[in-house]
């Protein structure tokens, strides 16, 4: 494979296809050097301009990712798939072109105040007074066929099923990238991965959510305004997919229950984590009160239902720091305001998939001070 992408003629493409299909589906039939060569050539074709070459590279790289990941830059492949999926190419000129694309991506997401709300359209599409999409914006962002876009989306979902740790780590890295374009892409890609493989991403939910919140730093107000629309859509997808995610729009509070027993609260106005409640066992359900001043959470292991304050006072945080003067994780830890333990026997057997168990649990507030926990046909209430 050459260092610079080039057009591949039909005969070469057919030969390459045969080698790469064998490497993807029957890796043991080829020596390591042949598998490495096939991976390198597919990575080169993925960066080419030809749609035929791109679609073949996407199909084979994703199908044989378990074989090829040892021979390619996995993060680069995932980033490239995200870029193609969002119809934004990486080879469109120098800094001026990137600035134009950043401006185009920002349109439609600029709100009166930088608060998180669902976005109904991609920030890159600007509409004129008669409602028609602005073609110049599309041209600046780069345009590929819907077939290639669909192939890239399927490829990302297939790789997510094979290696979610690599995909989640790459998306977290993109969300921390200095480029606003890259963070915007990552926000949309998180939604695609969650919709396809919510169960696989569940283990990485805290890291991904922390990266989403961190991408909205108020210190970069202009960039934040460009990202709030995509971030709002991403948070809503998380909230619909997981019973352990709850968002309160008025206070901009996001609460996330994790598989390690932690329940974390974030303030999206400041882009920071505000508090952590340590529970025992996987946190199955989370709900924020109507006023946004309390969070209810339920853990499977301890069968404990807790209500706690996601925005502890400065005095309470100072008192906590006196007990854990050297433990950085303890700063921000809170104790439940009130709790109760659910009797044993109401939960389904432990060999049932976690998300299936979570679907049998519903946590909601019936008022400003009463939380209702439903486990199948049983109901439990806790009043403050």
Protein backbone atom coordinates (compact mmCIF):
# COMPACT_ATOMS: atom_id res chain seq x y z
CA UNK A 1 0.00 0.00 0.00
CA UNK A 2 1.28 3.45 -0.84
CA UNK A 3 1.41 6.25 1.71
CA UNK A 4 -0.93 8.48 -0.35
CA UNK A 5 -4.40 7.27 -1.39
CA UNK A 6 -4.74 6.48 -5.09
CA UNK A 7 -7.42 5.15 -7.39
CA UNK A 8 -7.58 1.37 -7.63
CA UNK A 9 -8.51 -0.21 -10.96
CA UNK A 10 -11.06 -2.99 -11.25
CA UNK A 11 -8.60 -5.90 -11.47
CA UNK A 12 -6.63 -4.74 -8.44
CA UNK A 13 -9.83 -4.20 -6.50
CA UNK A 14 -11.04 -7.73 -7.27
CA UNK A 15 -7.72 -9.24 -6.14
CA UNK A 16 -7.70 -7.08 -3.03
CA UNK A 17 -11.28 -8.06 -2.26
CA UNK A 18 -10.43 -11.76 -2.36
CA UNK A 19 -7.41 -11.34 -0.05
CA UNK A 20 -9.32 -9.14 2.40
CA UNK A 21 -12.37 -11.45 2.46
CA UNK A 22 -10.11 -14.37 3.31
CA UNK A 23 -8.36 -12.27 6.00
CA UNK A 24 -11.70 -11.14 7.45
CA UNK A 25 -13.56 -14.47 7.42
CA UNK A 26 -10.79 -17.09 7.45
CA UNK A 27 -7.76 -15.40 9.10
CA UNK A 28 -6.12 -18.71 9.97
CA UNK A 29 -5.72 -19.44 6.23
CA UNK A 30 -3.33 -16.50 5.79
CA UNK A 31 0.04 -15.76 7.40
CA UNK A 32 0.35 -12.77 9.72
CA UNK A 33 2.18 -10.77 7.05
CA UNK A 34 -0.70 -11.22 4.59
CA UNK A 35 -3.28 -10.20 7.20
CA UNK A 36 -1.20 -7.13 8.03
CA UNK A 37 -0.91 -6.21 4.35
CA UNK A 38 -4.66 -6.58 3.84
CA UNK A 39 -5.37 -4.41 6.89
CA UNK A 40 -2.99 -1.70 5.69
CA UNK A 41 -4.53 -1.67 2.21
CA UNK A 42 -8.06 -1.45 3.65
CA UNK A 43 -7.03 1.43 5.88
CA UNK A 44 -5.60 3.20 2.85
CA UNK A 45 -8.79 2.63 0.84
CA UNK A 46 -10.87 3.93 3.74
CA UNK A 47 -9.07 7.27 3.37
CA UNK A 48 -9.52 7.35 -0.42
CA UNK A 49 -12.01 9.48 -2.34
CA UNK A 50 -13.60 6.64 -4.29
CA UNK A 51 -16.97 5.55 -2.90
CA UNK A 52 -16.57 2.00 -4.20
CA UNK A 53 -13.24 1.64 -2.41
CA UNK A 54 -14.60 3.26 0.75
CA UNK A 55 -17.62 0.96 0.91
CA UNK A 56 -15.49 -2.13 0.45
CA UNK A 57 -13.03 -0.99 3.12
CA UNK A 58 -15.86 -0.20 5.57
CA UNK A 59 -17.54 -3.57 5.02
CA UNK A 60 -14.39 -5.68 5.37
CA UNK A 61 -12.72 -3.69 8.16
CA UNK A 62 -15.84 -3.84 10.30
CA UNK A 63 -16.64 -7.47 9.49
CA UNK A 64 -13.10 -8.62 10.20
CA UNK A 65 -12.28 -6.12 12.93
CA UNK A 66 -11.36 -8.90 15.37
CA UNK A 67 -8.58 -9.85 12.93
CA UNK A 68 -7.56 -6.42 11.62
CA UNK A 69 -7.48 -4.46 14.90
CA UNK A 70 -4.01 -5.84 15.67
CA UNK A 71 -2.70 -4.35 12.39
CA UNK A 72 -4.48 -0.99 12.11
CA UNK A 73 -4.91 2.18 14.11
CA UNK A 74 -8.32 1.33 15.59
CA UNK A 75 -8.97 4.85 16.83
CA UNK A 76 -8.24 6.30 13.38
CA UNK A 77 -10.61 3.81 11.74
CA UNK A 78 -13.40 4.67 14.17
CA UNK A 79 -12.84 8.42 13.74
CA UNK A 80 -12.91 8.02 9.98
CA UNK A 81 -16.16 6.05 10.10
CA UNK A 82 -17.74 8.74 12.28
CA UNK A 83 -16.62 11.42 9.82
CA UNK A 84 -18.05 9.55 6.83
CA UNK A 85 -21.25 8.76 8.71
CA UNK A 86 -21.82 12.46 9.32
CA UNK A 87 -20.92 13.34 5.70
CA UNK A 88 -17.87 15.35 6.74
CA UNK A 89 -14.58 14.53 5.04
CA UNK A 90 -11.16 15.07 6.59
CA UNK A 91 -9.43 16.26 3.42
CA UNK A 92 -11.18 19.54 2.64
CA UNK A 93 -8.48 22.10 2.71
CA UNK A 94 -6.48 23.92 5.32
CA UNK A 95 -7.43 26.03 8.34
CA UNK A 96 -9.76 28.27 6.36
CA UNK A 97 -11.84 25.30 5.27
CA UNK A 98 -12.01 23.98 8.82
CA UNK A 99 -13.15 27.36 10.06
CA UNK A 100 -15.92 27.41 7.45
CA UNK A 101 -17.03 23.95 8.51
CA UNK A 102 -16.98 24.93 12.17
CA UNK A 103 -19.18 27.92 11.36
CA UNK A 104 -21.53 25.71 9.35
CA UNK A 105 -21.69 23.14 12.14
CA UNK A 106 -22.58 25.85 14.63
CA UNK A 107 -25.63 27.11 12.75
CA UNK A 108 -28.92 25.99 14.19
CA UNK A 109 -27.46 25.19 17.62
CA UNK A 110 -27.03 28.78 18.83
CA UNK A 111 -29.64 29.37 21.51
CA UNK A 112 -30.62 32.40 23.56
CA UNK A 113 -28.79 30.85 26.49
CA UNK A 114 -26.38 27.94 26.42
CA UNK A 115 -28.73 25.41 27.99
CA UNK A 116 -29.20 21.84 26.91
CA UNK A 117 -32.29 21.22 24.76
CA UNK A 118 -33.11 18.53 22.18
CA UNK A 119 -31.97 19.36 18.67
CA UNK A 120 -34.30 18.66 15.75
CA UNK A 121 -31.74 19.08 12.98
CA UNK A 122 -28.00 18.85 12.46
CA UNK A 123 -26.14 22.10 13.16
CA UNK A 124 -24.56 21.91 9.74
CA UNK A 125 -27.82 22.52 7.87
CA UNK A 126 -28.95 26.13 7.48
CA UNK A 127 -32.40 26.91 6.10
CA UNK A 128 -33.35 29.95 4.09
CA UNK A 129 -36.52 32.00 4.59
CA UNK A 130 -38.53 29.75 2.25
CA UNK A 131 -37.53 26.62 4.22
CA UNK A 132 -35.10 25.10 1.74
CA UNK A 133 -31.72 23.80 2.95
CA UNK A 134 -28.73 25.95 2.08
CA UNK A 135 -26.71 24.04 -0.54
CA UNK A 136 -23.51 26.01 0.06
CA UNK A 137 -23.32 24.74 3.64
CA UNK A 138 -23.62 21.14 2.41
CA UNK A 139 -20.91 21.73 -0.18
CA UNK A 140 -18.52 23.10 2.43
CA UNK A 141 -19.08 20.09 4.70
CA UNK A 142 -18.53 17.58 1.97
CA UNK A 143 -21.09 15.24 0.55
CA UNK A 144 -21.06 11.50 0.03
CA UNK A 145 -23.79 9.16 -1.11
CA UNK A 146 -26.37 7.87 1.33
CA UNK A 147 -25.11 4.35 0.62
CA UNK A 148 -21.66 5.22 1.98
CA UNK A 149 -23.18 7.04 4.97
CA UNK A 150 -25.31 3.98 5.74
CA UNK A 151 -22.32 1.66 5.34
CA UNK A 152 -20.27 3.79 7.75
CA UNK A 153 -23.07 3.73 10.32
CA UNK A 154 -23.42 -0.04 10.03
CA UNK A 155 -19.65 -0.41 10.24
CA UNK A 156 -19.45 1.63 13.44
CA UNK A 157 -22.25 -0.42 15.00
CA UNK A 158 -20.58 -3.69 13.96
CA UNK A 159 -17.24 -2.63 15.46
CA UNK A 160 -19.06 -1.54 18.63
CA UNK A 161 -20.45 -5.06 18.99
CA UNK A 162 -16.96 -6.55 18.58
CA UNK A 163 -14.94 -4.15 20.73
CA UNK A 164 -16.98 -1.66 22.77
CA UNK A 165 -14.04 -0.68 25.06
CA UNK A 166 -12.08 0.63 22.05
CA UNK A 167 -15.12 2.44 20.62
CA UNK A 168 -16.05 4.07 23.94
CA UNK A 169 -12.43 5.11 24.59
CA UNK A 170 -12.20 6.64 21.10
CA UNK A 171 -15.47 8.54 21.50
CA UNK A 172 -14.32 9.86 24.90
CA UNK A 173 -11.08 11.00 23.29
CA UNK A 174 -13.03 12.76 20.52
CA UNK A 175 -15.25 14.46 23.11
CA UNK A 176 -12.10 15.88 24.74
CA UNK A 177 -10.62 16.99 21.41
CA UNK A 178 -9.82 20.74 21.06
CA UNK A 179 -11.70 20.78 17.73
CA UNK A 180 -15.39 21.67 18.05
CA UNK A 181 -16.03 19.72 14.83
CA UNK A 182 -14.63 16.56 16.39
CA UNK A 183 -16.70 16.94 19.56
CA UNK A 184 -19.86 17.55 17.52
CA UNK A 185 -19.25 14.34 15.56
CA UNK A 186 -18.61 12.38 18.75
CA UNK A 187 -21.87 13.56 20.32
CA UNK A 188 -23.85 12.24 17.36
CA UNK A 189 -21.82 9.02 17.23
CA UNK A 190 -22.58 8.29 20.91
CA UNK A 191 -26.30 8.38 20.08
CA UNK A 192 -25.80 5.95 17.19
CA UNK A 193 -23.85 3.50 19.37
CA UNK A 194 -26.34 3.72 22.25
CA UNK A 195 -29.32 3.05 19.99
CA UNK A 196 -27.62 -0.05 18.55
CA UNK A 197 -25.80 -1.49 21.60
CA UNK A 198 -27.08 0.08 24.81
CA UNK A 199 -26.30 -3.07 26.83
CA UNK A 200 -22.65 -3.13 25.72
CA UNK A 201 -22.10 0.57 26.42
CA UNK A 202 -23.72 0.35 29.86
CA UNK A 203 -20.42 -0.59 31.55
CA UNK A 204 -18.77 2.53 30.10
CA UNK A 205 -21.65 4.89 30.82
CA UNK A 206 -19.93 6.94 33.53
CA UNK A 207 -16.85 7.63 31.40
CA UNK A 208 -18.87 8.56 28.32
CA UNK A 209 -21.24 10.81 30.30
CA UNK A 210 -18.32 12.56 32.01
CA UNK A 211 -16.77 13.23 28.59
CA UNK A 212 -20.08 14.60 27.25
CA UNK A 213 -20.38 16.98 30.19
CA UNK A 214 -16.72 17.98 29.91
CA UNK A 215 -17.17 18.88 26.24
CA UNK A 216 -19.60 21.64 27.28
CA UNK A 217 -17.15 23.74 29.28
CA UNK A 218 -18.60 27.23 29.93
CA UNK A 219 -15.08 28.65 29.61
CA UNK A 220 -15.49 28.29 25.83
CA UNK A 221 -18.87 29.95 25.40
CA UNK A 222 -18.83 30.12 21.59
CA UNK A 223 -18.00 26.43 21.25
CA UNK A 224 -20.57 25.53 23.90
CA UNK A 225 -23.32 27.28 21.94
CA UNK A 226 -22.38 25.24 18.88
CA UNK A 227 -22.54 21.95 20.78
CA UNK A 228 -25.58 22.28 23.05
CA UNK A 229 -28.05 21.12 20.39
CA UNK A 230 -26.14 17.89 19.65
CA UNK A 231 -25.43 17.36 23.36
CA UNK A 232 -29.12 17.79 24.19
CA UNK A 233 -30.09 15.16 21.64
CA UNK A 234 -27.39 12.81 22.96
CA UNK A 235 -28.56 13.19 26.57
CA UNK A 236 -32.18 12.51 25.56
CA UNK A 237 -31.09 9.32 23.78
CA UNK A 238 -29.25 8.21 26.93
CA UNK A 239 -32.28 9.02 29.07
CA UNK A 240 -34.61 7.01 26.80
CA UNK A 241 -32.23 4.04 26.64
CA UNK A 242 -31.29 3.71 30.32
CA UNK A 243 -33.52 3.81 33.40
CA UNK A 244 -30.39 4.82 35.31
CA UNK A 245 -30.06 8.20 33.50
CA UNK A 246 -32.19 11.22 34.41
CA UNK A 247 -31.95 14.83 33.23
CA UNK A 248 -33.63 17.93 34.67
CA UNK A 249 -33.72 20.70 32.07
CA UNK A 250 -34.51 23.65 34.37
CA UNK A 251 -31.61 23.06 36.77
CA UNK A 252 -29.41 21.48 34.05
CA UNK A 253 -28.76 18.54 36.39
CA UNK A 254 -27.80 15.15 34.95
CA UNK A 255 -27.78 12.07 37.20
CA UNK A 256 -26.26 8.76 36.07
CA UNK A 257 -26.28 5.41 37.83
CA UNK A 258 -23.29 3.19 37.11
CA UNK A 259 -22.51 -0.52 37.14
CA UNK A 260 -19.89 -0.03 39.88
CA UNK A 261 -22.47 1.19 42.41
CA UNK A 262 -21.81 4.89 42.00
CA UNK A 263 -24.55 7.40 41.25
CA UNK A 264 -23.03 10.59 39.83
CA UNK A 265 -24.64 14.01 39.47
CA UNK A 266 -23.40 16.61 36.97
CA UNK A 267 -24.16 20.30 36.58
CA UNK A 268 -24.22 21.04 32.85
CA UNK A 269 -24.17 24.79 33.45
CA UNK A 270 -20.63 24.51 34.80
CA UNK A 271 -19.65 21.30 33.00
CA UNK A 272 -18.61 19.64 36.27
CA UNK A 273 -19.43 16.70 38.51
CA UNK A 274 -21.18 17.98 41.64
CA UNK A 275 -21.69 14.91 43.83
CA UNK A 276 -21.39 11.13 44.05
CA UNK A 277 -23.48 8.70 46.08
CA UNK A 278 -21.79 5.35 46.67
CA UNK A 279 -24.30 2.50 46.68
CA UNK A 280 -23.85 -1.28 46.82
CA UNK A 281 -24.40 -3.03 43.53
CA UNK A 282 -25.46 -1.87 40.09
CA UNK A 283 -27.62 1.27 40.11
CA UNK A 284 -30.72 0.22 38.17
CA UNK A 285 -32.89 3.34 38.24
CA UNK A 286 -32.48 7.08 38.80
CA UNK A 287 -35.05 9.89 38.88
CA UNK A 288 -34.69 13.62 39.60
CA UNK A 289 -37.48 15.35 41.52
CA UNK A 290 -39.75 17.89 39.75
CA UNK A 291 -37.93 20.78 41.43
CA UNK A 292 -34.53 19.34 40.57
CA UNK A 293 -33.30 19.53 44.17
CA UNK A 294 -33.38 15.79 44.97
CA UNK A 295 -32.32 12.58 43.24
CA UNK A 296 -33.78 9.13 43.92
CA UNK A 297 -31.74 6.04 43.04
CA UNK A 298 -32.19 2.31 43.44
CA UNK A 299 -29.36 -0.27 43.59
CA UNK A 300 -29.89 -3.94 42.73
CA UNK A 301 -27.24 -5.44 45.01
CA UNK A 302 -28.35 -3.86 48.30
CA UNK A 303 -32.00 -3.41 47.20
CA UNK A 304 -31.68 0.07 48.67
CA UNK A 305 -33.76 3.05 47.59
CA UNK A 306 -32.03 6.34 48.41
CA UNK A 307 -32.96 10.02 48.12
CA UNK A 308 -30.10 12.51 48.11
CA UNK A 309 -29.13 16.08 47.29
CA UNK A 310 -27.24 16.44 43.99
CA UNK A 311 -26.10 19.99 44.86
CA UNK A 312 -24.70 19.78 48.41
CA UNK A 313 -23.93 23.05 50.17
CA UNK A 314 -20.38 24.34 50.45
CA UNK A 315 -20.52 23.80 54.22
CA UNK A 316 -21.53 20.15 53.79
CA UNK A 317 -18.75 19.58 51.28
CA UNK A 318 -16.22 21.17 53.64
CA UNK A 319 -17.38 18.91 56.48
CA UNK A 320 -16.94 15.88 54.22
CA UNK A 321 -13.41 16.93 53.30
CA UNK A 322 -12.43 16.89 56.98
CA UNK A 323 -13.08 13.16 57.10
CA UNK A 324 -11.32 12.36 53.79
CA UNK A 325 -8.48 14.90 53.60
CA UNK A 326 -6.35 12.90 51.15
CA UNK A 327 -8.89 10.92 49.12
CA UNK A 328 -9.71 12.87 45.95
CA UNK A 329 -12.63 10.58 45.12
CA UNK A 330 -14.22 11.23 48.52
CA UNK A 331 -14.51 14.94 47.80
CA UNK A 332 -18.01 15.24 46.39
CA UNK A 333 -19.27 12.05 48.06
CA UNK A 334 -22.64 12.53 49.72
CA UNK A 335 -24.77 10.58 52.16
CA UNK A 336 -28.42 9.80 51.41
CA UNK A 337 -30.97 12.16 52.92
CA UNK A 338 -33.33 9.23 53.38
CA UNK A 339 -33.30 5.57 52.40
CA UNK A 340 -35.19 2.30 52.66
CA UNK A 341 -34.42 -1.34 51.84
CA UNK A 342 -36.76 -3.28 49.58
CA UNK A 343 -37.63 -6.79 50.87
CA UNK A 344 -36.00 -9.70 49.07
CA UNK A 345 -38.02 -11.69 46.54
CA UNK A 346 -39.34 -8.88 44.34
CA UNK A 347 -36.46 -8.84 41.87
CA UNK A 348 -36.07 -11.30 39.00
CA UNK A 349 -33.33 -13.94 38.99
CA UNK A 350 -29.73 -12.78 38.62
CA UNK A 351 -29.14 -14.73 35.37
CA UNK A 352 -31.52 -12.41 33.50
CA UNK A 353 -29.69 -9.72 31.43
CA UNK A 354 -29.19 -6.49 33.36
CA UNK A 355 -31.11 -4.24 30.97
CA UNK A 356 -34.03 -6.68 31.05
CA UNK A 357 -34.07 -6.43 34.84
CA UNK A 358 -33.90 -2.63 34.61
CA UNK A 359 -36.94 -2.59 32.34
CA UNK A 360 -39.00 -4.19 35.13
CA UNK A 361 -38.11 -1.31 37.46
CA UNK A 362 -39.67 2.13 37.26
CA UNK A 363 -38.68 5.00 39.54
CA UNK A 364 -40.67 8.23 39.51
CA UNK A 365 -41.72 11.17 41.64
CA UNK A 366 -45.42 11.57 42.47
CA UNK A 367 -44.81 15.02 43.94
CA UNK A 368 -42.01 17.23 45.20
CA UNK A 369 -41.33 15.01 48.22
CA UNK A 370 -42.57 11.48 47.42
CA UNK A 371 -40.81 8.93 45.25
CA UNK A 372 -42.49 5.80 43.88
CA UNK A 373 -40.60 2.60 43.03
CA UNK A 374 -42.37 0.00 40.90
CA UNK A 375 -40.91 -3.49 40.50
CA UNK A 376 -43.23 -5.38 38.18
CA UNK A 377 -46.54 -5.46 40.09
CA UNK A 378 -45.18 -4.28 43.45
CA UNK A 379 -45.04 -0.61 44.49
CA UNK A 380 -43.01 1.06 47.23
CA UNK A 381 -43.09 4.73 48.22
CA UNK A 382 -40.66 6.86 50.18
CA UNK A 383 -41.69 10.29 51.48
CA UNK A 384 -39.37 12.96 52.69
